[in-house]
Amino acid sequence: MKVRSFSNAFTLVEMVAALGISGLVATILLQTLWNGAVLFAKNSAINIAHQQARVGVMMIENDLHSSTSVPQLIDANRNPISGLGPAPGIAFHSFAGGPYQVAPGDYMPTQNTISVLASGGTPPAVNQRLNIETHNVELYITAVAATGGKYTLTLSGNLPNEVNTTLMGQAVNIPCFTTEQAAYLVQGSQLLKYPKRGSSNFIVLSQGITSATPFSIPQTQAGAPYNRFVAAVNLVCADAAVAQLDFKSANMYLNSMVPYRSRLTQTQ
């Protein structure tokens, strides 16, 4: 009796078809994984960009709401500029110390020194601004000499008006206070805060800023300054790390107009 043997094997056509199907399935799976990774990276970048912009604008709005002056647009060197912008930065004054009392005396417009009395609290400091609103005095302090609770201040200019602590032979109290100038400035891709005038120290508030000149003074439809608001902030942020991977959709555009809350001084 003759036994026949059978050999089970794939033909070449079957092998090619199986490999093709396997390759197609693998390609689909890899493409799905890649699309998921890209979407995850984009969503993460957008969230980071949103958070960067939110933190920056919330800080700006909080400080401008508590400022004592009308904000001033500034250039990259923190010098004031005219016009309505846009500009890379904005400066403003915040309450620093006081109220103080002008020390008894007669201070003439030909002098650039004046003495104040401070009973406790924060003493006046260099680079702060002395404000005597009843006499239209708003001058920066360049030197401070302390004797007990009396501070003799050297100012950045002569007094614009006579400051006399007597009226018709009677002593009068003349109050005054100091303010500190702070500034927000976009440098490169960072939003920086300079807390004090004359200091190079700064705080980094946001990274990945792509708008070089985000600050401006709002305008009415007729083109005049919109006096209900003190600043318009157009901040665009992107996640810098993800942007390097060409995920350009990870940007956020934020527009905000900050209204007046308080104003204690006449000038910026």
Protein backbone atom coordinates (compact mmCIF):
# COMPACT_ATOMS: atom_id res chain seq x y z
CA MET A 1 0.00 0.00 0.00
CA LYS A 2 1.45 3.36 -1.05
CA VAL A 3 1.18 6.24 1.46
CA ARG A 4 0.85 9.75 0.01
CA SER A 5 2.33 12.69 1.98
CA PHE A 6 0.92 16.19 1.86
CA SER A 7 2.97 19.37 2.60
CA ASN A 8 0.96 22.38 3.98
CA ALA A 9 2.57 25.68 2.91
CA PHE A 10 1.68 29.21 1.74
CA THR A 11 2.06 30.07 -1.82
CA LEU A 12 4.00 33.12 -2.91
CA VAL A 13 0.82 34.98 -3.72
CA GLU A 14 -0.57 34.29 -0.25
CA MET A 15 2.66 35.46 1.38
CA VAL A 16 2.66 38.73 -0.58
CA ALA A 17 -0.99 39.35 0.25
CA ALA A 18 -0.44 38.66 3.98
CA LEU A 19 2.59 40.95 4.15
CA GLY A 20 0.70 43.69 2.33
CA ILE A 21 -2.25 43.49 4.70
CA SER A 22 0.07 43.45 7.75
CA GLY A 23 1.97 46.47 6.45
CA LEU A 24 -1.26 48.36 5.81
CA VAL A 25 -2.56 47.64 9.30
CA ALA A 26 0.77 48.67 10.86
CA THR A 27 0.78 51.90 8.86
CA ILE A 28 -2.74 52.74 9.99
CA LEU A 29 -1.85 52.02 13.63
CA LEU A 30 1.34 54.12 13.48
CA GLN A 31 -0.49 57.00 11.79
CA THR A 32 -3.19 56.87 14.46
CA LEU A 33 -0.59 56.93 17.24
CA TRP A 34 1.27 59.81 15.56
CA ASN A 35 -1.91 61.86 15.12
CA GLY A 36 -2.76 61.26 18.77
CA ALA A 37 0.72 62.39 19.86
CA VAL A 38 0.49 65.51 17.70
CA LEU A 39 -2.96 66.42 19.04
CA PHE A 40 -1.79 65.85 22.61
CA ALA A 41 1.25 68.08 22.06
CA LYS A 42 -0.86 70.80 20.46
CA ASN A 43 -3.45 70.72 23.22
CA SER A 44 -0.73 70.84 25.88
CA ALA A 45 0.94 73.76 24.10
CA ILE A 46 -2.35 75.65 23.79
CA ASN A 47 -3.05 75.12 27.50
CA ILE A 48 0.42 76.37 28.42
CA ALA A 49 0.06 79.38 26.12
CA HIS A 50 -3.34 80.19 27.64
CA GLN A 51 -1.95 79.97 31.16
CA GLN A 52 1.06 82.15 30.27
CA ALA A 53 -1.17 84.84 28.82
CA ARG A 54 -3.72 84.66 31.63
CA VAL A 55 -1.10 85.06 34.34
CA GLY A 56 0.48 88.00 32.55
CA VAL A 57 -2.75 89.88 31.87
CA MET A 58 -4.15 89.23 35.37
CA MET A 59 -1.00 90.71 36.91
CA ILE A 60 -1.13 93.72 34.59
CA GLU A 61 -4.82 94.38 35.29
CA ASN A 62 -4.37 94.02 39.05
CA ASP A 63 -1.49 96.51 39.10
CA LEU A 64 -3.15 99.01 36.79
CA HIS A 65 -6.36 98.87 38.84
CA SER A 66 -4.35 99.82 41.95
CA SER A 67 -2.16 102.43 40.24
CA THR A 68 -2.27 106.05 41.34
CA SER A 69 -1.43 107.55 37.95
CA VAL A 70 -2.42 107.34 34.32
CA PRO A 71 -0.10 104.73 32.74
CA GLN A 72 2.55 105.87 30.27
CA LEU A 73 3.71 103.93 27.21
CA ILE A 74 7.47 103.26 27.23
CA ASP A 75 10.09 102.03 24.77
CA ALA A 76 12.52 99.11 25.13
CA ASN A 77 14.76 101.24 27.39
CA ARG A 78 11.85 102.16 29.68
CA ASN A 79 11.81 105.75 28.42
CA PRO A 80 8.37 107.39 27.98
CA ILE A 81 7.06 107.73 24.44
CA SER A 82 4.28 109.89 23.04
CA GLY A 83 1.30 108.78 21.03
CA LEU A 84 -1.23 106.01 21.48
CA GLY A 85 1.09 103.09 20.66
CA PRO A 86 1.47 100.24 20.19
CA ALA A 87 4.54 100.03 22.42
CA PRO A 88 6.66 97.28 24.01
CA GLY A 89 5.99 98.46 27.56
CA ILE A 90 3.90 100.48 29.97
CA ALA A 91 4.83 102.27 33.21
CA PHE A 92 2.64 103.39 36.11
CA HIS A 93 2.85 104.60 39.72
CA SER A 94 1.65 102.75 42.80
CA PHE A 95 1.29 104.05 46.35
CA ALA A 96 4.59 103.60 48.25
CA GLY A 97 4.45 105.44 51.57
CA GLY A 98 2.68 108.05 53.65
CA PRO A 99 0.81 110.10 54.34
CA TYR A 100 3.66 112.31 55.51
CA GLN A 101 3.54 115.88 56.77
CA VAL A 102 5.63 118.64 55.24
CA ALA A 103 7.97 119.84 58.00
CA PRO A 104 7.40 123.45 59.18
CA GLY A 105 9.10 125.93 56.89
CA ASP A 106 8.84 128.04 53.78
CA TYR A 107 10.09 126.18 50.69
CA MET A 108 10.63 128.38 47.65
CA PRO A 109 10.43 127.51 43.92
CA THR A 110 14.17 128.24 43.64
CA GLN A 111 15.10 125.22 45.78
CA ASN A 112 15.06 121.50 45.13
CA THR A 113 14.95 120.30 48.74
CA ILE A 114 12.08 119.86 51.15
CA SER A 115 11.67 118.19 54.55
CA VAL A 116 8.87 115.87 55.59
CA LEU A 117 7.88 114.26 58.88
CA ALA A 118 7.22 110.53 59.02
CA SER A 119 5.99 109.02 62.27
CA GLY A 120 6.54 105.32 61.74
CA GLY A 121 5.54 103.51 58.56
CA THR A 122 7.67 103.36 55.44
CA PRO A 123 10.18 106.22 55.06
CA PRO A 124 10.71 107.96 51.70
CA ALA A 125 13.37 106.39 49.46
CA VAL A 126 15.51 107.36 46.48
CA ASN A 127 13.81 106.93 43.07
CA GLN A 128 10.37 107.21 44.61
CA ARG A 129 8.30 110.26 43.69
CA LEU A 130 7.19 112.86 46.20
CA ASN A 131 3.61 114.01 45.63
CA ILE A 132 2.17 117.14 47.25
CA GLU A 133 -1.11 117.39 45.39
CA THR A 134 -2.25 120.63 47.02
CA HIS A 135 0.79 122.39 45.51
CA ASN A 136 1.16 120.43 42.24
CA VAL A 137 4.48 118.91 43.32
CA GLU A 138 5.32 115.58 41.69
CA LEU A 139 9.09 115.17 41.64
CA TYR A 140 11.42 112.19 41.99
CA ILE A 141 13.60 111.84 45.07
CA THR A 142 17.34 111.74 44.33
CA ALA A 143 18.68 111.74 47.91
CA VAL A 144 17.35 111.27 51.46
CA ALA A 145 18.91 112.58 54.68
CA ALA A 146 17.23 111.32 57.86
CA THR A 147 17.33 112.99 61.28
CA GLY A 148 15.06 111.14 63.66
CA GLY A 149 11.59 111.26 62.14
CA LYS A 150 12.48 114.13 59.82
CA TYR A 151 13.57 113.42 56.24
CA THR A 152 15.20 116.06 54.07
CA LEU A 153 14.57 115.13 50.44
CA THR A 154 16.58 116.24 47.43
CA LEU A 155 14.30 116.34 44.40
CA SER A 156 14.93 115.90 40.68
CA GLY A 157 14.00 119.54 40.02
CA ASN A 158 13.06 122.78 41.70
CA LEU A 159 9.70 123.07 43.39
CA PRO A 160 7.13 124.38 40.88
CA ASN A 161 5.34 126.39 43.57
CA GLU A 162 6.04 127.82 47.02
CA VAL A 163 5.21 125.41 49.82
CA ASN A 164 4.53 127.36 53.02
CA THR A 165 3.36 125.65 56.20
CA THR A 166 1.77 128.85 57.58
CA LEU A 167 -1.38 130.54 56.35
CA MET A 168 -2.26 134.00 57.61
CA GLY A 169 0.06 133.48 60.54
CA GLN A 170 -1.44 130.11 61.46
CA ALA A 171 0.40 126.79 61.15
CA VAL A 172 -1.20 124.38 58.69
CA ASN A 173 -0.58 120.72 58.00
CA ILE A 174 0.35 119.91 54.40
CA PRO A 175 0.04 116.18 53.64
CA CYS A 176 2.13 114.38 51.04
CA PHE A 177 2.93 110.83 49.98
CA THR A 178 5.35 108.88 47.82
CA THR A 179 4.74 106.61 44.85
CA GLU A 180 6.83 103.89 43.23
CA GLN A 181 7.06 103.62 39.46
CA ALA A 182 6.81 100.09 38.06
CA ALA A 183 6.87 98.94 34.45
CA TYR A 184 5.83 96.01 32.28
CA LEU A 185 8.00 95.37 29.25
CA VAL A 186 8.21 92.73 26.54
CA GLN A 187 11.83 91.85 25.81
CA GLY A 188 12.48 89.06 23.34
CA SER A 189 9.92 86.37 24.12
CA GLN A 190 9.44 87.31 27.79
CA LEU A 191 7.00 89.57 29.61
CA LEU A 192 8.99 91.26 32.39
CA LYS A 193 7.99 93.37 35.36
CA TYR A 194 10.40 95.99 36.70
CA PRO A 195 9.06 96.73 40.21
CA LYS A 196 11.17 99.84 40.83
CA ARG A 197 12.36 102.82 38.81
CA GLY A 198 16.12 103.01 38.38
CA SER A 199 16.62 99.30 39.10
CA SER A 200 17.64 96.65 36.57
CA ASN A 201 16.02 93.88 38.62
CA PHE A 202 12.98 92.29 37.01
CA ILE A 203 10.50 89.44 37.38
CA VAL A 204 9.67 87.11 34.48
CA LEU A 205 5.89 86.78 34.30
CA SER A 206 5.35 84.95 31.01
CA GLN A 207 7.41 83.08 28.44
CA GLY A 208 6.80 82.54 24.76
CA ILE A 209 5.50 86.03 24.01
CA THR A 210 5.20 86.54 20.25
CA SER A 211 3.70 90.05 20.28
CA ALA A 212 6.58 92.57 20.48
CA THR A 213 4.39 95.65 21.11
CA PRO A 214 1.28 94.57 23.06
CA PHE A 215 0.48 97.86 24.84
CA SER A 216 -1.49 100.82 23.54
CA ILE A 217 -3.88 103.55 24.64
CA PRO A 218 -7.48 102.69 23.61
CA GLN A 219 -9.16 104.94 21.05
CA THR A 220 -12.74 105.87 20.33
CA GLN A 221 -14.24 105.33 16.89
CA ALA A 222 -13.31 108.94 16.11
CA GLY A 223 -9.64 108.23 16.90
CA ALA A 224 -9.48 110.12 20.21
CA PRO A 225 -8.08 108.57 23.41
CA TYR A 226 -10.72 106.47 25.13
CA ASN A 227 -10.57 108.06 28.59
CA ARG A 228 -12.65 105.42 30.32
CA PHE A 229 -9.71 103.05 29.95
CA VAL A 230 -6.02 103.42 30.72
CA ALA A 231 -4.47 100.64 28.66
CA ALA A 232 -5.18 98.08 25.99
CA VAL A 233 -3.24 94.82 26.18
CA ASN A 234 -2.94 92.60 23.10
CA LEU A 235 -0.87 89.67 24.29
CA VAL A 236 0.02 86.67 22.12
CA CYS A 237 1.70 83.66 23.73
CA ALA A 238 3.03 80.36 22.41
CA ASP A 239 4.63 77.40 24.13
CA ALA A 240 8.27 77.85 23.09
CA ALA A 241 9.28 74.20 23.45
CA VAL A 242 6.44 72.88 21.32
CA ALA A 243 6.76 75.71 18.79
CA GLN A 244 10.17 74.32 17.91
CA LEU A 245 8.36 71.26 16.61
CA ASP A 246 6.41 73.45 14.19
CA PHE A 247 3.15 73.16 16.10
CA LYS A 248 2.24 76.72 15.18
CA SER A 249 -1.36 76.45 16.32
CA ALA A 250 -0.25 76.70 19.96
CA ASN A 251 -0.84 80.47 20.07
CA MET A 252 -3.23 82.55 22.16
CA TYR A 253 -4.42 86.07 21.33
CA LEU A 254 -5.75 87.98 24.33
CA ASN A 255 -7.23 91.47 24.14
CA SER A 256 -8.05 93.44 27.27
CA MET A 257 -8.88 97.06 28.13
CA VAL A 258 -8.22 98.12 31.71
CA PRO A 259 -10.63 100.71 33.17
CA TYR A 260 -9.87 103.44 35.71
CA ARG A 261 -10.11 102.52 39.38
CA SER A 262 -8.17 105.27 41.16
CA ARG A 263 -6.02 108.29 40.40
CA LEU A 264 -4.12 110.29 43.02
CA THR A 265 -1.57 112.09 40.85
CA GLN A 266 -1.77 114.52 37.96
CA THR A 267 1.07 113.13 35.83
CA GLN A 268 2.56 109.77 35.05
